[in-house]
């Protein structure tokens, strides 16, 4: 079953955040389990962003989360945040292209 994680966070430097994500994409190409990532900005709350990360399964997501390289990446990102992130862990029950 596909799995999605949504990470909500605040930052005053989204460009630095995006640069760190791009660096991670290059560094992790051989081992990451995420298949898609979408970064969004909340129009109603400036400085608030949601990162939507898709995985083939919950097990793949947990393997990714438990990897020390992912932990180090997450710590670099959170150093750019204005507080702790909020996580939503979602099992995909259905998905359709509309």
PDB file of N, CA and C in Angstrom:
ATOM      1  N   UNK A   1       0.842  -1.168   0.000  1.00  0.00           N
ATOM      2  CA  UNK A   1       0.000   0.000   0.000  1.00  0.00           C
ATOM      3  C   UNK A   1       0.900   1.248   0.000  1.00  0.00           C
ATOM      4  N   UNK A   2       0.667   2.172  -0.905  1.00  0.00           N
ATOM      5  CA  UNK A   2       1.453   3.407  -0.915  1.00  0.00           C
ATOM      6  C   UNK A   2       1.284   4.189   0.389  1.00  0.00           C
ATOM      7  N   UNK A   3       2.284   4.984   0.685  1.00  0.00           N
ATOM      8  CA  UNK A   3       2.329   5.737   1.938  1.00  0.00           C
ATOM      9  C   UNK A   3       2.809   7.150   1.637  1.00  0.00           C
ATOM     10  N   UNK A   4       2.194   8.128   2.294  1.00  0.00           N
ATOM     11  CA  UNK A   4       2.566   9.530   2.124  1.00  0.00           C
ATOM     12  C   UNK A   4       2.859  10.126   3.487  1.00  0.00           C
ATOM     13  N   UNK A   5       3.921  10.906   3.541  1.00  0.00           N
ATOM     14  CA  UNK A   5       4.221  11.662   4.750  1.00  0.00           C
ATOM     15  C   UNK A   5       4.151  13.143   4.390  1.00  0.00           C
ATOM     16  N   UNK A   6       3.426  13.902   5.202  1.00  0.00           N
ATOM     17  CA  UNK A   6       3.346  15.351   5.035  1.00  0.00           C
ATOM     18  C   UNK A   6       4.053  15.987   6.220  1.00  0.00           C
ATOM     19  N   UNK A   7       4.985  16.875   5.908  1.00  0.00           N
ATOM     20  CA  UNK A   7       5.759  17.558   6.937  1.00  0.00           C
ATOM     21  C   UNK A   7       5.454  19.045   6.823  1.00  0.00           C
ATOM     22  N   UNK A   8       4.859  19.596   7.857  1.00  0.00           N
ATOM     23  CA  UNK A   8       4.558  21.027   7.891  1.00  0.00           C
ATOM     24  C   UNK A   8       5.627  21.724   8.721  1.00  0.00           C
ATOM     25  N   UNK A   9       6.141  22.826   8.195  1.00  0.00           N
ATOM     26  CA  UNK A   9       7.191  23.551   8.896  1.00  0.00           C
ATOM     27  C   UNK A   9       7.135  25.028   8.522  1.00  0.00           C
ATOM     28  N   UNK A  10       7.827  25.829   9.307  1.00  0.00           N
ATOM     29  CA  UNK A  10       7.945  27.251   9.033  1.00  0.00           C
ATOM     30  C   UNK A  10       9.425  27.576   8.842  1.00  0.00           C
ATOM     31  N   UNK A  11       9.698  28.504   7.928  1.00  0.00           N
ATOM     32  CA  UNK A  11      11.061  28.993   7.731  1.00  0.00           C
ATOM     33  C   UNK A  11      11.009  30.392   7.134  1.00  0.00           C
ATOM     34  N   UNK A  12      12.040  31.162   7.429  1.00  0.00           N
ATOM     35  CA  UNK A  12      12.205  32.482   6.826  1.00  0.00           C
ATOM     36  C   UNK A  12      13.149  32.426   5.634  1.00  0.00           C
ATOM     37  N   UNK A  13      13.715  31.242   5.364  1.00  0.00           N
ATOM     38  CA  UNK A  13      14.696  31.098   4.286  1.00  0.00           C
ATOM     39  C   UNK A  13      14.394  29.867   3.441  1.00  0.00           C
ATOM     40  N   UNK A  14      13.319  29.943   2.678  1.00  0.00           N
ATOM     41  CA  UNK A  14      12.905  28.793   1.870  1.00  0.00           C
ATOM     42  C   UNK A  14      13.935  28.478   0.776  1.00  0.00           C
ATOM     43  N   UNK A  15      14.670  29.482   0.319  1.00  0.00           N
ATOM     44  CA  UNK A  15      15.680  29.228  -0.705  1.00  0.00           C
ATOM     45  C   UNK A  15      16.798  28.336  -0.165  1.00  0.00           C
ATOM     46  N   UNK A  16      17.235  28.580   1.065  1.00  0.00           N
ATOM     47  CA  UNK A  16      18.255  27.722   1.677  1.00  0.00           C
ATOM     48  C   UNK A  16      17.702  26.319   1.899  1.00  0.00           C
ATOM     49  N   UNK A  17      16.438  26.211   2.299  1.00  0.00           N
ATOM     50  CA  UNK A  17      15.787  24.917   2.480  1.00  0.00           C
ATOM     51  C   UNK A  17      15.784  24.150   1.158  1.00  0.00           C
ATOM     52  N   UNK A  18      15.365  24.826   0.092  1.00  0.00           N
ATOM     53  CA  UNK A  18      15.300  24.175  -1.214  1.00  0.00           C
ATOM     54  C   UNK A  18      16.687  23.748  -1.689  1.00  0.00           C
ATOM     55  N   UNK A  19      17.687  24.555  -1.437  1.00  0.00           N
ATOM     56  CA  UNK A  19      19.055  24.193  -1.828  1.00  0.00           C
ATOM     57  C   UNK A  19      19.507  22.940  -1.084  1.00  0.00           C
ATOM     58  N   UNK A  20      19.148  22.839   0.191  1.00  0.00           N
ATOM     59  CA  UNK A  20      19.513  21.644   0.971  1.00  0.00           C
ATOM     60  C   UNK A  20      18.790  20.410   0.436  1.00  0.00           C
ATOM     61  N   UNK A  21      17.536  20.558   0.036  1.00  0.00           N
ATOM     62  CA  UNK A  21      16.782  19.436  -0.545  1.00  0.00           C
ATOM     63  C   UNK A  21      17.425  19.000  -1.861  1.00  0.00           C
ATOM     64  N   UNK A  22      17.801  19.948  -2.700  1.00  0.00           N
ATOM     65  CA  UNK A  22      18.443  19.601  -3.967  1.00  0.00           C
ATOM     66  C   UNK A  22      19.759  18.855  -3.733  1.00  0.00           C
ATOM     67  N   UNK A  23      20.523  19.296  -2.756  1.00  0.00           N
ATOM     68  CA  UNK A  23      21.769  18.611  -2.398  1.00  0.00           C
ATOM     69  C   UNK A  23      21.471  17.175  -1.963  1.00  0.00           C
ATOM     70  N   UNK A  24      20.437  17.010  -1.134  1.00  0.00           N
ATOM     71  CA  UNK A  24      20.036  15.686  -0.651  1.00  0.00           C
ATOM     72  C   UNK A  24      19.604  14.783  -1.797  1.00  0.00           C
ATOM     73  N   UNK A  25      18.872  15.325  -2.749  1.00  0.00           N
ATOM     74  CA  UNK A  25      18.427  14.512  -3.883  1.00  0.00           C
ATOM     75  C   UNK A  25      19.617  13.912  -4.616  1.00  0.00           C
ATOM     76  N   UNK A  26      20.666  14.685  -4.779  1.00  0.00           N
ATOM     77  CA  UNK A  26      21.867  14.178  -5.445  1.00  0.00           C
ATOM     78  C   UNK A  26      22.596  13.162  -4.565  1.00  0.00           C
ATOM     79  N   UNK A  27      22.724  13.465  -3.265  1.00  0.00           N
ATOM     80  CA  UNK A  27      23.446  12.586  -2.335  1.00  0.00           C
ATOM     81  C   UNK A  27      22.760  11.238  -2.135  1.00  0.00           C
ATOM     82  N   UNK A  28      21.439  11.219  -2.171  1.00  0.00           N
ATOM     83  CA  UNK A  28      20.679  10.032  -1.775  1.00  0.00           C
ATOM     84  C   UNK A  28      20.134   9.220  -2.942  1.00  0.00           C
ATOM     85  N   UNK A  29      20.511   9.565  -4.146  1.00  0.00           N
ATOM     86  CA  UNK A  29      19.937   8.905  -5.327  1.00  0.00           C
ATOM     87  C   UNK A  29      20.075   7.390  -5.290  1.00  0.00           C
ATOM     88  N   UNK A  30      21.142   6.871  -4.691  1.00  0.00           N
ATOM     89  CA  UNK A  30      21.384   5.430  -4.698  1.00  0.00           C
ATOM     90  C   UNK A  30      20.698   4.671  -3.571  1.00  0.00           C
ATOM     91  N   UNK A  31      20.158   5.366  -2.579  1.00  0.00           N
ATOM     92  CA  UNK A  31      19.610   4.628  -1.441  1.00  0.00           C
ATOM     93  C   UNK A  31      18.253   5.108  -0.929  1.00  0.00           C
ATOM     94  N   UNK A  32      17.802   6.261  -1.303  1.00  0.00           N
ATOM     95  CA  UNK A  32      16.529   6.747  -0.732  1.00  0.00           C
ATOM     96  C   UNK A  32      15.367   5.906  -1.240  1.00  0.00           C
ATOM     97  N   UNK A  33      14.334   5.817  -0.436  1.00  0.00           N
ATOM     98  CA  UNK A  33      13.161   5.015  -0.799  1.00  0.00           C
ATOM     99  C   UNK A  33      11.981   5.879  -1.233  1.00  0.00           C
ATOM    100  N   UNK A  34      12.055   7.181  -1.036  1.00  0.00           N
ATOM    101  CA  UNK A  34      10.983   8.076  -1.487  1.00  0.00           C
ATOM    102  C   UNK A  34      10.948   8.095  -3.007  1.00  0.00           C
ATOM    103  N   UNK A  35       9.741   8.146  -3.552  1.00  0.00           N
ATOM    104  CA  UNK A  35       9.582   8.144  -5.004  1.00  0.00           C
ATOM    105  C   UNK A  35       9.165   9.501  -5.556  1.00  0.00           C
ATOM    106  N   UNK A  36       8.660  10.365  -4.690  1.00  0.00           N
ATOM    107  CA  UNK A  36       8.206  11.686  -5.147  1.00  0.00           C
ATOM    108  C   UNK A  36       8.182  12.629  -3.954  1.00  0.00           C
ATOM    109  N   UNK A  37       8.528  13.888  -4.201  1.00  0.00           N
ATOM    110  CA  UNK A  37       8.443  14.909  -3.153  1.00  0.00           C
ATOM    111  C   UNK A  37       7.875  16.175  -3.770  1.00  0.00           C
ATOM    112  N   UNK A  38       6.946  16.778  -3.067  1.00  0.00           N
ATOM    113  CA  UNK A  38       6.319  18.013  -3.517  1.00  0.00           C
ATOM    114  C   UNK A  38       6.412  19.029  -2.388  1.00  0.00           C
ATOM    115  N   UNK A  39       6.982  20.182  -2.674  1.00  0.00           N
ATOM    116  CA  UNK A  39       7.073  21.253  -1.692  1.00  0.00           C
ATOM    117  C   UNK A  39       5.996  22.283  -2.011  1.00  0.00           C
ATOM    118  N   UNK A  40       5.217  22.649  -1.001  1.00  0.00           N
ATOM    119  CA  UNK A  40       4.144  23.617  -1.196  1.00  0.00           C
ATOM    120  C   UNK A  40       4.279  24.765  -0.206  1.00  0.00           C
ATOM    121  N   UNK A  41       3.755  25.927  -0.593  1.00  0.00           N
ATOM    122  CA  UNK A  41       3.715  27.101   0.280  1.00  0.00           C
ATOM    123  C   UNK A  41       2.260  27.379   0.626  1.00  0.00           C
ATOM    124  N   UNK A  42       1.993  27.634   1.883  1.00  0.00           N
ATOM    125  CA  UNK A  42       0.637  27.932   2.352  1.00  0.00           C
ATOM    126  C   UNK A  42       0.322  29.397   2.042  1.00  0.00           C
ATOM    127  N   UNK A  43      -0.600  29.633   1.127  1.00  0.00           N
ATOM    128  CA  UNK A  43      -0.955  30.996   0.727  1.00  0.00           C
ATOM    129  C   UNK A  43      -1.550  31.801   1.874  1.00  0.00           C
ATOM    130  N   UNK A  44      -2.221  31.126   2.785  1.00  0.00           N
ATOM    131  CA  UNK A  44      -2.899  31.822   3.879  1.00  0.00           C
ATOM    132  C   UNK A  44      -1.999  32.076   5.077  1.00  0.00           C
ATOM    133  N   UNK A  45      -0.841  31.439   5.107  1.00  0.00           N
ATOM    134  CA  UNK A  45       0.089  31.570   6.231  1.00  0.00           C
ATOM    135  C   UNK A  45       1.508  31.727   5.688  1.00  0.00           C
ATOM    136  N   UNK A  46       1.906  32.949   5.327  1.00  0.00           N
ATOM    137  CA  UNK A  46       3.238  33.164   4.782  1.00  0.00           C
ATOM    138  C   UNK A  46       4.322  32.607   5.711  1.00  0.00           C
ATOM    139  N   UNK A  47       5.311  31.974   5.097  1.00  0.00           N
ATOM    140  CA  UNK A  47       6.394  31.370   5.870  1.00  0.00           C
ATOM    141  C   UNK A  47       6.103  29.956   6.319  1.00  0.00           C
ATOM    142  N   UNK A  48       4.907  29.441   5.986  1.00  0.00           N
ATOM    143  CA  UNK A  48       4.530  28.070   6.322  1.00  0.00           C
ATOM    144  C   UNK A  48       4.541  27.229   5.050  1.00  0.00           C
ATOM    145  N   UNK A  49       5.145  26.049   5.156  1.00  0.00           N
ATOM    146  CA  UNK A  49       5.318  25.169   4.001  1.00  0.00           C
ATOM    147  C   UNK A  49       4.942  23.749   4.378  1.00  0.00           C
ATOM    148  N   UNK A  50       4.539  22.983   3.365  1.00  0.00           N
ATOM    149  CA  UNK A  50       4.277  21.560   3.546  1.00  0.00           C
ATOM    150  C   UNK A  50       5.057  20.794   2.497  1.00  0.00           C
ATOM    151  N   UNK A  51       5.806  19.805   2.956  1.00  0.00           N
ATOM    152  CA  UNK A  51       6.546  18.911   2.083  1.00  0.00           C
ATOM    153  C   UNK A  51       5.775  17.595   2.056  1.00  0.00           C
ATOM    154  N   UNK A  52       5.353  17.168   0.870  1.00  0.00           N
ATOM    155  CA  UNK A  52       4.611  15.925   0.696  1.00  0.00           C
ATOM    156  C   UNK A  52       5.576  14.916   0.081  1.00  0.00           C
ATOM    157  N   UNK A  53       5.842  13.820   0.811  1.00  0.00           N
ATOM    158  CA  UNK A  53       6.808  12.821   0.359  1.00  0.00           C
ATOM    159  C   UNK A  53       6.077  11.492   0.182  1.00  0.00           C
ATOM    160  N   UNK A  54       6.233  10.892  -0.992  1.00  0.00           N
ATOM    161  CA  UNK A  54       5.540   9.648  -1.317  1.00  0.00           C
ATOM    162  C   UNK A  54       6.518   8.475  -1.313  1.00  0.00           C
ATOM    163  N   UNK A  55       6.028   7.348  -0.803  1.00  0.00           N
ATOM    164  CA  UNK A  55       6.800   6.111  -0.711  1.00  0.00           C
ATOM    165  C   UNK A  55       5.964   4.953  -1.256  1.00  0.00           C
ATOM    166  N   UNK A  56       6.613   3.885  -1.725  1.00  0.00           N
ATOM    167  CA  UNK A  56       5.864   2.709  -2.180  1.00  0.00           C
ATOM    168  C   UNK A  56       5.067   2.048  -1.050  1.00  0.00           C
ATOM    169  N   UNK A  57       5.581   2.159   0.196  1.00  0.00           N
ATOM    170  CA  UNK A  57       4.913   1.504   1.323  1.00  0.00           C
ATOM    171  C   UNK A  57       5.363   2.155   2.633  1.00  0.00           C
ATOM    172  N   UNK A  58       4.650   1.842   3.696  1.00  0.00           N
ATOM    173  CA  UNK A  58       5.031   2.298   5.036  1.00  0.00           C
ATOM    174  C   UNK A  58       6.405   1.744   5.404  1.00  0.00           C
ATOM    175  N   UNK A  59       6.640   0.473   5.092  1.00  0.00           N
ATOM    176  CA  UNK A  59       7.935  -0.141   5.412  1.00  0.00           C
ATOM    177  C   UNK A  59       9.082   0.595   4.718  1.00  0.00           C
ATOM    178  N   UNK A  60       8.888   0.994   3.470  1.00  0.00           N
ATOM    179  CA  UNK A  60       9.916   1.758   2.760  1.00  0.00           C
ATOM    180  C   UNK A  60      10.137   3.112   3.432  1.00  0.00           C
ATOM    181  N   UNK A  61       9.066   3.734   3.872  1.00  0.00           N
ATOM    182  CA  UNK A  61       9.187   5.026   4.563  1.00  0.00           C
ATOM    183  C   UNK A  61       9.953   4.877   5.870  1.00  0.00           C
ATOM    184  N   UNK A  62       9.676   3.821   6.620  1.00  0.00           N
ATOM    185  CA  UNK A  62      10.359   3.618   7.893  1.00  0.00           C
ATOM    186  C   UNK A  62      11.832   3.264   7.683  1.00  0.00           C
ATOM    187  N   UNK A  63      12.119   2.511   6.623  1.00  0.00           N
ATOM    188  CA  UNK A  63      13.510   2.204   6.304  1.00  0.00           C
ATOM    189  C   UNK A  63      14.247   3.518   5.994  1.00  0.00           C
ATOM    190  N   UNK A  64      13.600   4.407   5.271  1.00  0.00           N
ATOM    191  CA  UNK A  64      14.170   5.719   4.972  1.00  0.00           C
ATOM    192  C   UNK A  64      14.355   6.533   6.252  1.00  0.00           C
ATOM    193  N   UNK A  65      13.340   6.580   7.089  1.00  0.00           N
ATOM    194  CA  UNK A  65      13.394   7.376   8.321  1.00  0.00           C
ATOM    195  C   UNK A  65      14.464   6.877   9.283  1.00  0.00           C
ATOM    196  N   UNK A  66      14.692   5.579   9.298  1.00  0.00           N
ATOM    197  CA  UNK A  66      15.660   4.996  10.232  1.00  0.00           C
ATOM    198  C   UNK A  66      17.098   5.038   9.725  1.00  0.00           C
ATOM    199  N   UNK A  67      17.301   5.484   8.510  1.00  0.00           N
ATOM    200  CA  UNK A  67      18.649   5.568   7.948  1.00  0.00           C
ATOM    201  C   UNK A  67      19.367   6.764   8.577  1.00  0.00           C
ATOM    202  N   UNK A  68      20.555   6.579   9.127  1.00  0.00           N
ATOM    203  CA  UNK A  68      21.288   7.690   9.757  1.00  0.00           C
ATOM    204  C   UNK A  68      21.555   8.854   8.797  1.00  0.00           C
ATOM    205  N   UNK A  69      21.667   8.555   7.509  1.00  0.00           N
ATOM    206  CA  UNK A  69      21.889   9.631   6.530  1.00  0.00           C
ATOM    207  C   UNK A  69      20.647  10.507   6.417  1.00  0.00           C
ATOM    208  N   UNK A  70      19.469   9.893   6.511  1.00  0.00           N
ATOM    209  CA  UNK A  70      18.228  10.663   6.493  1.00  0.00           C
ATOM    210  C   UNK A  70      18.111  11.501   7.753  1.00  0.00           C
ATOM    211  N   UNK A  71      18.502  10.945   8.884  1.00  0.00           N
ATOM    212  CA  UNK A  71      18.475  11.687  10.146  1.00  0.00           C
ATOM    213  C   UNK A  71      19.360  12.925  10.057  1.00  0.00           C
ATOM    214  N   UNK A  72      20.555  12.786   9.512  1.00  0.00           N
ATOM    215  CA  UNK A  72      21.465  13.930   9.369  1.00  0.00           C
ATOM    216  C   UNK A  72      20.874  14.983   8.437  1.00  0.00           C
ATOM    217  N   UNK A  73      20.263  14.544   7.344  1.00  0.00           N
ATOM    218  CA  UNK A  73      19.600  15.463   6.409  1.00  0.00           C
ATOM    219  C   UNK A  73      18.471  16.211   7.110  1.00  0.00           C
ATOM    220  N   UNK A  74      17.650  15.491   7.836  1.00  0.00           N
ATOM    221  CA  UNK A  74      16.535  16.107   8.557  1.00  0.00           C
ATOM    222  C   UNK A  74      17.031  17.159   9.548  1.00  0.00           C
ATOM    223  N   UNK A  75      18.124  16.869  10.224  1.00  0.00           N
ATOM    224  CA  UNK A  75      18.683  17.831  11.178  1.00  0.00           C
ATOM    225  C   UNK A  75      19.170  19.096  10.476  1.00  0.00           C
ATOM    226  N   UNK A  76      19.743  18.943   9.286  1.00  0.00           N
ATOM    227  CA  UNK A  76      20.168  20.121   8.522  1.00  0.00           C
ATOM    228  C   UNK A  76      18.964  20.967   8.128  1.00  0.00           C
ATOM    229  N   UNK A  77      17.878  20.297   7.729  1.00  0.00           N
ATOM    230  CA  UNK A  77      16.672  21.040   7.354  1.00  0.00           C
ATOM    231  C   UNK A  77      16.062  21.757   8.556  1.00  0.00           C
ATOM    232  N   UNK A  78      15.991  21.062   9.678  1.00  0.00           N
ATOM    233  CA  UNK A  78      15.354  21.659  10.849  1.00  0.00           C
ATOM    234  C   UNK A  78      16.161  22.823  11.415  1.00  0.00           C
ATOM    235  N   UNK A  79      17.455  22.872  11.108  1.00  0.00           N
ATOM    236  CA  UNK A  79      18.254  24.033  11.502  1.00  0.00           C
ATOM    237  C   UNK A  79      17.807  25.278  10.742  1.00  0.00           C
ATOM    238  N   UNK A  80      17.151  25.084   9.606  1.00  0.00           N
ATOM    239  CA  UNK A  80      16.641  26.196   8.804  1.00  0.00           C
ATOM    240  C   UNK A  80      15.201  26.554   9.157  1.00  0.00           C
ATOM    241  N   UNK A  81      14.566  25.741   9.983  1.00  0.00           N
ATOM    242  CA  UNK A  81      13.154  25.948  10.337  1.00  0.00           C
ATOM    243  C   UNK A  81      13.026  26.885  11.531  1.00  0.00           C
ATOM    244  N   UNK A  82      11.832  27.449  11.660  1.00  0.00           N
ATOM    245  CA  UNK A  82      11.533  28.382  12.745  1.00  0.00           C
ATOM    246  C   UNK A  82      10.806  27.694  13.903  1.00  0.00           C
ATOM    247  N   UNK A  83      10.978  26.408  14.036  1.00  0.00           N
ATOM    248  CA  UNK A  83      10.321  25.633  15.090  1.00  0.00           C
ATOM    249  C   UNK A  83      10.230  24.188  14.672  1.00  0.00           C
ATOM    250  N   UNK A  84       9.663  23.357  15.533  1.00  0.00           N
ATOM    251  CA  UNK A  84       9.583  21.929  15.206  1.00  0.00           C
ATOM    252  C   UNK A  84       8.552  21.667  14.101  1.00  0.00           C
ATOM    253  N   UNK A  85       8.823  20.666  13.271  1.00  0.00           N
ATOM    254  CA  UNK A  85       7.864  20.313  12.222  1.00  0.00           C
ATOM    255  C   UNK A  85       6.693  19.517  12.791  1.00  0.00           C
ATOM    256  N   UNK A  86       5.613  19.494  12.028  1.00  0.00           N
ATOM    257  CA  UNK A  86       4.469  18.632  12.336  1.00  0.00           C
ATOM    258  C   UNK A  86       4.392  17.578  11.234  1.00  0.00           C
ATOM    259  N   UNK A  87       4.223  16.324  11.624  1.00  0.00           N
ATOM    260  CA  UNK A  87       4.195  15.214  10.673  1.00  0.00           C
ATOM    261  C   UNK A  87       2.798  14.623  10.583  1.00  0.00           C
ATOM    262  N   UNK A  88       2.419  14.235   9.370  1.00  0.00           N
ATOM    263  CA  UNK A  88       1.209  13.458   9.118  1.00  0.00           C
ATOM    264  C   UNK A  88       1.650  12.223   8.356  1.00  0.00           C
ATOM    265  N   UNK A  89       1.295  11.042   8.857  1.00  0.00           N
ATOM    266  CA  UNK A  89       1.669   9.775   8.235  1.00  0.00           C
ATOM    267  C   UNK A  89       0.402   9.127   7.703  1.00  0.00           C
ATOM    268  N   UNK A  90       0.337   8.982   6.375  1.00  0.00           N
ATOM    269  CA  UNK A  90      -0.914   8.620   5.725  1.00  0.00           C
ATOM    270  C   UNK A  90      -0.781   7.381   4.848  1.00  0.00           C
ATOM    271  N   UNK A  91      -1.634   6.383   5.095  1.00  0.00           N
ATOM    272  CA  UNK A  91      -1.767   5.248   4.193  1.00  0.00           C
ATOM    273  C   UNK A  91      -2.679   5.692   3.036  1.00  0.00           C
ATOM    274  N   UNK A  92      -2.266   5.430   1.814  1.00  0.00           N
ATOM    275  CA  UNK A  92      -3.063   5.801   0.644  1.00  0.00           C
ATOM    276  C   UNK A  92      -4.108   4.727   0.408  1.00  0.00           C
ATOM    277  N   UNK A  93      -5.363   5.098   0.519  1.00  0.00           N
ATOM    278  CA  UNK A  93      -6.461   4.148   0.280  1.00  0.00           C
ATOM    279  C   UNK A  93      -6.884   4.136  -1.169  1.00  0.00           C
ATOM    280  N   UNK A  94      -6.771   5.274  -1.824  1.00  0.00           N
ATOM    281  CA  UNK A  94      -7.035   5.332  -3.266  1.00  0.00           C
ATOM    282  C   UNK A  94      -6.359   6.567  -3.824  1.00  0.00           C
ATOM    283  N   UNK A  95      -6.077   6.506  -5.113  1.00  0.00           N
ATOM    284  CA  UNK A  95      -5.435   7.619  -5.793  1.00  0.00           C
ATOM    285  C   UNK A  95      -5.832   7.563  -7.257  1.00  0.00           C
ATOM    286  N   UNK A  96      -6.245   8.689  -7.799  1.00  0.00           N
ATOM    287  CA  UNK A  96      -6.684   8.725  -9.189  1.00  0.00           C
ATOM    288  C   UNK A  96      -6.156   9.973  -9.868  1.00  0.00           C
ATOM    289  N   UNK A  97      -5.793   9.851 -11.127  1.00  0.00           N
ATOM    290  CA  UNK A  97      -5.509  11.026 -11.939  1.00  0.00           C
ATOM    291  C   UNK A  97      -6.842  11.558 -12.400  1.00  0.00           C
ATOM    292  N   UNK A  98      -7.078  12.834 -12.214  1.00  0.00           N
ATOM    293  CA  UNK A  98      -8.366  13.435 -12.595  1.00  0.00           C
ATOM    294  C   UNK A  98      -8.208  14.340 -13.789  1.00  0.00           C
TER     295      UNK A  98
END
